[in-house]
PDB file of N, CA and C in Angstrom:
ATOM      1  N   MET A   1     -73.161 -48.479 127.799  1.00  0.00           N
ATOM      2  CA  MET A   1     -74.497 -48.282 128.069  1.00  0.00           C
ATOM      3  C   MET A   1     -74.611 -47.571 129.299  1.00  0.00           C
ATOM      4  N   LEU A   2     -75.436 -46.687 129.528  1.00  0.00           N
ATOM      5  CA  LEU A   2     -75.439 -46.296 130.608  1.00  0.00           C
ATOM      6  C   LEU A   2     -77.150 -46.198 130.872  1.00  0.00           C
ATOM      7  N   TYR A   3     -77.768 -46.621 132.162  1.00  0.00           N
ATOM      8  CA  TYR A   3     -79.091 -46.587 132.426  1.00  0.00           C
ATOM      9  C   TYR A   3     -79.350 -45.747 133.581  1.00  0.00           C
ATOM     10  N   GLU A   4     -80.227 -44.795 133.555  1.00  0.00           N
ATOM     11  CA  GLU A   4     -80.263 -43.948 134.622  1.00  0.00           C
ATOM     12  C   GLU A   4     -81.816 -43.622 134.872  1.00  0.00           C
ATOM     13  N   ASN A   5     -82.340 -43.473 136.134  1.00  0.00           N
ATOM     14  CA  ASN A   5     -83.577 -43.127 136.257  1.00  0.00           C
ATOM     15  C   ASN A   5     -83.565 -41.660 137.094  1.00  0.00           C
ATOM     16  N   TRP A   6     -84.289 -40.585 136.617  1.00  0.00           N
ATOM     17  CA  TRP A   6     -84.292 -39.341 137.283  1.00  0.00           C
ATOM     18  C   TRP A   6     -85.910 -39.079 137.521  1.00  0.00           C
ATOM     19  N   ARG A   7     -85.889 -38.323 138.743  1.00  0.00           N
ATOM     20  CA  ARG A   7     -87.230 -38.033 139.241  1.00  0.00           C
ATOM     21  C   ARG A   7     -88.126 -37.170 138.231  1.00  0.00           C
ATOM     22  N   SER A   8     -87.026 -36.080 137.432  1.00  0.00           N
ATOM     23  CA  SER A   8     -88.058 -35.190 136.485  1.00  0.00           C
ATOM     24  C   SER A   8     -86.665 -35.045 135.475  1.00  0.00           C
ATOM     25  N   ARG A   9     -87.269 -34.285 134.469  1.00  0.00           N
ATOM     26  CA  ARG A   9     -86.470 -33.880 133.296  1.00  0.00           C
ATOM     27  C   ARG A   9     -85.755 -32.531 134.023  1.00  0.00           C
ATOM     28  N   ALA A  10     -86.188 -31.839 134.808  1.00  0.00           N
ATOM     29  CA  ALA A  10     -85.466 -30.790 135.428  1.00  0.00           C
ATOM     30  C   ALA A  10     -84.419 -31.254 136.117  1.00  0.00           C
ATOM     31  N   ASP A  11     -84.573 -32.277 137.032  1.00  0.00           N
ATOM     32  CA  ASP A  11     -83.400 -32.849 137.602  1.00  0.00           C
ATOM     33  C   ASP A  11     -82.272 -33.308 136.803  1.00  0.00           C
ATOM     34  N   LEU A  12     -82.686 -34.021 135.532  1.00  0.00           N
ATOM     35  CA  LEU A  12     -81.571 -34.332 134.609  1.00  0.00           C
ATOM     36  C   LEU A  12     -80.944 -33.148 134.083  1.00  0.00           C
ATOM     37  N   ASP A  13     -81.753 -32.051 133.711  1.00  0.00           N
ATOM     38  CA  ASP A  13     -81.209 -30.959 133.336  1.00  0.00           C
ATOM     39  C   ASP A  13     -80.369 -30.185 134.256  1.00  0.00           C
ATOM     40  N   ALA A  14     -80.595 -30.227 135.432  1.00  0.00           N
ATOM     41  CA  ALA A  14     -79.665 -29.509 136.330  1.00  0.00           C
ATOM     42  C   ALA A  14     -78.483 -30.564 136.513  1.00  0.00           C
ATOM     43  N   HIS A  15     -78.579 -31.586 136.286  1.00  0.00           N
ATOM     44  CA  HIS A  15     -77.378 -32.557 136.370  1.00  0.00           C
ATOM     45  C   HIS A  15     -76.227 -32.251 135.126  1.00  0.00           C
ATOM     46  N   PHE A  16     -76.777 -32.004 133.940  1.00  0.00           N
ATOM     47  CA  PHE A  16     -76.105 -31.694 132.912  1.00  0.00           C
ATOM     48  C   PHE A  16     -75.454 -30.212 133.092  1.00  0.00           C
ATOM     49  N   GLN A  17     -75.797 -29.398 133.915  1.00  0.00           N
ATOM     50  CA  GLN A  17     -75.324 -28.141 134.124  1.00  0.00           C
ATOM     51  C   GLN A  17     -74.223 -28.036 135.158  1.00  0.00           C
ATOM     52  N   GLN A  18     -74.029 -29.166 135.901  1.00  0.00           N
ATOM     53  CA  GLN A  18     -73.027 -29.216 136.880  1.00  0.00           C
ATOM     54  C   GLN A  18     -71.561 -29.275 136.358  1.00  0.00           C
ATOM     55  N   PRO A  19     -70.701 -28.726 136.896  1.00  0.00           N
ATOM     56  CA  PRO A  19     -69.329 -28.609 136.558  1.00  0.00           C
ATOM     57  C   PRO A  19     -68.551 -29.822 136.055  1.00  0.00           C
ATOM     58  N   TYR A  20     -68.761 -30.820 137.001  1.00  0.00           N
ATOM     59  CA  TYR A  20     -68.251 -32.184 136.777  1.00  0.00           C
ATOM     60  C   TYR A  20     -68.637 -32.742 135.413  1.00  0.00           C
ATOM     61  N   THR A  21     -70.216 -32.700 135.216  1.00  0.00           N
ATOM     62  CA  THR A  21     -70.731 -33.225 134.190  1.00  0.00           C
ATOM     63  C   THR A  21     -70.471 -32.348 132.828  1.00  0.00           C
ATOM     64  N   GLU A  22     -70.267 -31.231 132.786  1.00  0.00           N
ATOM     65  CA  GLU A  22     -69.820 -30.224 131.844  1.00  0.00           C
ATOM     66  C   GLU A  22     -68.415 -30.749 131.423  1.00  0.00           C
ATOM     67  N   ALA A  23     -67.535 -31.022 132.283  1.00  0.00           N
ATOM     68  CA  ALA A  23     -66.275 -31.426 132.183  1.00  0.00           C
ATOM     69  C   ALA A  23     -66.020 -32.543 131.289  1.00  0.00           C
ATOM     70  N   VAL A  24     -66.908 -33.713 131.761  1.00  0.00           N
ATOM     71  CA  VAL A  24     -66.951 -34.990 131.124  1.00  0.00           C
ATOM     72  C   VAL A  24     -67.491 -34.921 129.808  1.00  0.00           C
ATOM     73  N   MET A  25     -68.650 -33.795 129.398  1.00  0.00           N
ATOM     74  CA  MET A  25     -69.068 -33.860 128.131  1.00  0.00           C
ATOM     75  C   MET A  25     -68.144 -33.166 127.186  1.00  0.00           C
ATOM     76  N   ALA A  26     -67.330 -32.359 127.684  1.00  0.00           N
ATOM     77  CA  ALA A  26     -66.341 -31.599 126.832  1.00  0.00           C
ATOM     78  C   ALA A  26     -65.454 -32.461 126.515  1.00  0.00           C
ATOM     79  N   ARG A  27     -65.231 -33.630 126.905  1.00  0.00           N
ATOM     80  CA  ARG A  27     -64.088 -34.752 126.464  1.00  0.00           C
ATOM     81  C   ARG A  27     -65.131 -35.736 125.815  1.00  0.00           C
ATOM     82  N   PHE A  28     -66.393 -35.578 125.598  1.00  0.00           N
ATOM     83  CA  PHE A  28     -67.059 -37.033 125.465  1.00  0.00           C
ATOM     84  C   PHE A  28     -66.781 -37.351 123.783  1.00  0.00           C
ATOM     85  N   PRO A  29     -66.545 -36.308 122.989  1.00  0.00           N
ATOM     86  CA  PRO A  29     -66.266 -36.878 121.446  1.00  0.00           C
ATOM     87  C   PRO A  29     -65.115 -37.717 121.421  1.00  0.00           C
ATOM     88  N   GLU A  30     -64.016 -37.597 122.540  1.00  0.00           N
ATOM     89  CA  GLU A  30     -62.863 -38.618 122.173  1.00  0.00           C
ATOM     90  C   GLU A  30     -63.079 -39.902 122.967  1.00  0.00           C
ATOM     91  N   LEU A  31     -64.026 -39.943 123.752  1.00  0.00           N
ATOM     92  CA  LEU A  31     -64.182 -41.266 124.666  1.00  0.00           C
ATOM     93  C   LEU A  31     -65.114 -42.387 124.195  1.00  0.00           C
ATOM     94  N   PRO A  32     -66.180 -42.298 123.599  1.00  0.00           N
ATOM     95  CA  PRO A  32     -66.971 -43.448 123.262  1.00  0.00           C
ATOM     96  C   PRO A  32     -66.473 -43.996 121.813  1.00  0.00           C
ATOM     97  N   ALA A  33     -66.816 -45.134 121.521  1.00  0.00           N
ATOM     98  CA  ALA A  33     -66.690 -45.675 120.036  1.00  0.00           C
ATOM     99  C   ALA A  33     -67.472 -45.153 119.159  1.00  0.00           C
ATOM    100  N   ARG A  34     -68.430 -44.520 119.229  1.00  0.00           N
ATOM    101  CA  ARG A  34     -69.621 -43.893 118.395  1.00  0.00           C
ATOM    102  C   ARG A  34     -70.252 -42.786 119.089  1.00  0.00           C
ATOM    103  N   GLU A  35     -70.902 -41.992 118.292  1.00  0.00           N
ATOM    104  CA  GLU A  35     -71.703 -40.882 118.717  1.00  0.00           C
ATOM    105  C   GLU A  35     -72.675 -41.263 119.985  1.00  0.00           C
ATOM    106  N   MET A  36     -72.961 -40.404 120.931  1.00  0.00           N
ATOM    107  CA  MET A  36     -73.649 -40.668 121.894  1.00  0.00           C
ATOM    108  C   MET A  36     -75.064 -40.509 121.392  1.00  0.00           C
ATOM    109  N   GLU A  37     -75.997 -41.445 122.049  1.00  0.00           N
ATOM    110  CA  GLU A  37     -77.458 -41.459 121.660  1.00  0.00           C
ATOM    111  C   GLU A  37     -78.230 -41.577 122.969  1.00  0.00           C
ATOM    112  N   LEU A  38     -79.133 -40.693 123.123  1.00  0.00           N
ATOM    113  CA  LEU A  38     -80.016 -40.445 124.367  1.00  0.00           C
ATOM    114  C   LEU A  38     -81.423 -40.937 124.030  1.00  0.00           C
ATOM    115  N   THR A  39     -81.865 -41.603 124.591  1.00  0.00           N
ATOM    116  CA  THR A  39     -83.326 -42.319 124.500  1.00  0.00           C
ATOM    117  C   THR A  39     -84.006 -41.869 125.907  1.00  0.00           C
ATOM    118  N   PHE A  40     -85.220 -41.172 125.541  1.00  0.00           N
ATOM    119  CA  PHE A  40     -85.874 -40.593 126.947  1.00  0.00           C
ATOM    120  C   PHE A  40     -87.185 -41.637 127.078  1.00  0.00           C
ATOM    121  N   CYS A  41     -87.379 -41.973 128.075  1.00  0.00           N
ATOM    122  CA  CYS A  41     -88.612 -43.058 128.273  1.00  0.00           C
ATOM    123  C   CYS A  41     -89.281 -42.498 129.391  1.00  0.00           C
ATOM    124  N   THR A  42     -90.725 -42.737 129.560  1.00  0.00           N
ATOM    125  CA  THR A  42     -91.643 -42.585 130.665  1.00  0.00           C
ATOM    126  C   THR A  42     -91.848 -43.637 131.419  1.00  0.00           C
ATOM    127  N   MET A  43     -91.622 -43.643 132.781  1.00  0.00           N
ATOM    128  CA  MET A  43     -91.773 -44.978 133.492  1.00  0.00           C
ATOM    129  C   MET A  43     -93.248 -45.101 133.781  1.00  0.00           C
ATOM    130  N   THR A  44     -93.707 -46.218 133.605  1.00  0.00           N
ATOM    131  CA  THR A  44     -95.173 -46.412 133.798  1.00  0.00           C
ATOM    132  C   THR A  44     -95.647 -47.240 134.972  1.00  0.00           C
ATOM    133  N   SER A  45     -94.632 -47.438 135.572  1.00  0.00           N
ATOM    134  CA  SER A  45     -94.954 -48.337 136.863  1.00  0.00           C
ATOM    135  C   SER A  45     -94.715 -47.517 138.138  1.00  0.00           C
ATOM    136  N   PRO A  46     -95.488 -47.830 139.352  1.00  0.00           N
ATOM    137  CA  PRO A  46     -95.475 -46.961 140.380  1.00  0.00           C
ATOM    138  C   PRO A  46     -93.847 -46.881 140.744  1.00  0.00           C
ATOM    139  N   ARG A  47     -93.552 -45.693 141.324  1.00  0.00           N
ATOM    140  CA  ARG A  47     -92.292 -45.293 141.775  1.00  0.00           C
ATOM    141  C   ARG A  47     -92.164 -46.108 143.252  1.00  0.00           C
ATOM    142  N   LEU A  48     -91.072 -46.660 143.735  1.00  0.00           N
ATOM    143  CA  LEU A  48     -90.815 -47.324 144.998  1.00  0.00           C
ATOM    144  C   LEU A  48     -90.215 -46.385 145.874  1.00  0.00           C
TER     145      LEU A  48
END
């Protein structure tokens, strides 16, 4: 399980376009025990 906070969806999208992320994602089908599931949430508390 990974838990990450991003300032914006645009920042997350930019992260997924980086060469290192694309390289990991290309191998992703062989890495986890089951299919990846992404859940997007909206932070409701003030940012520190």
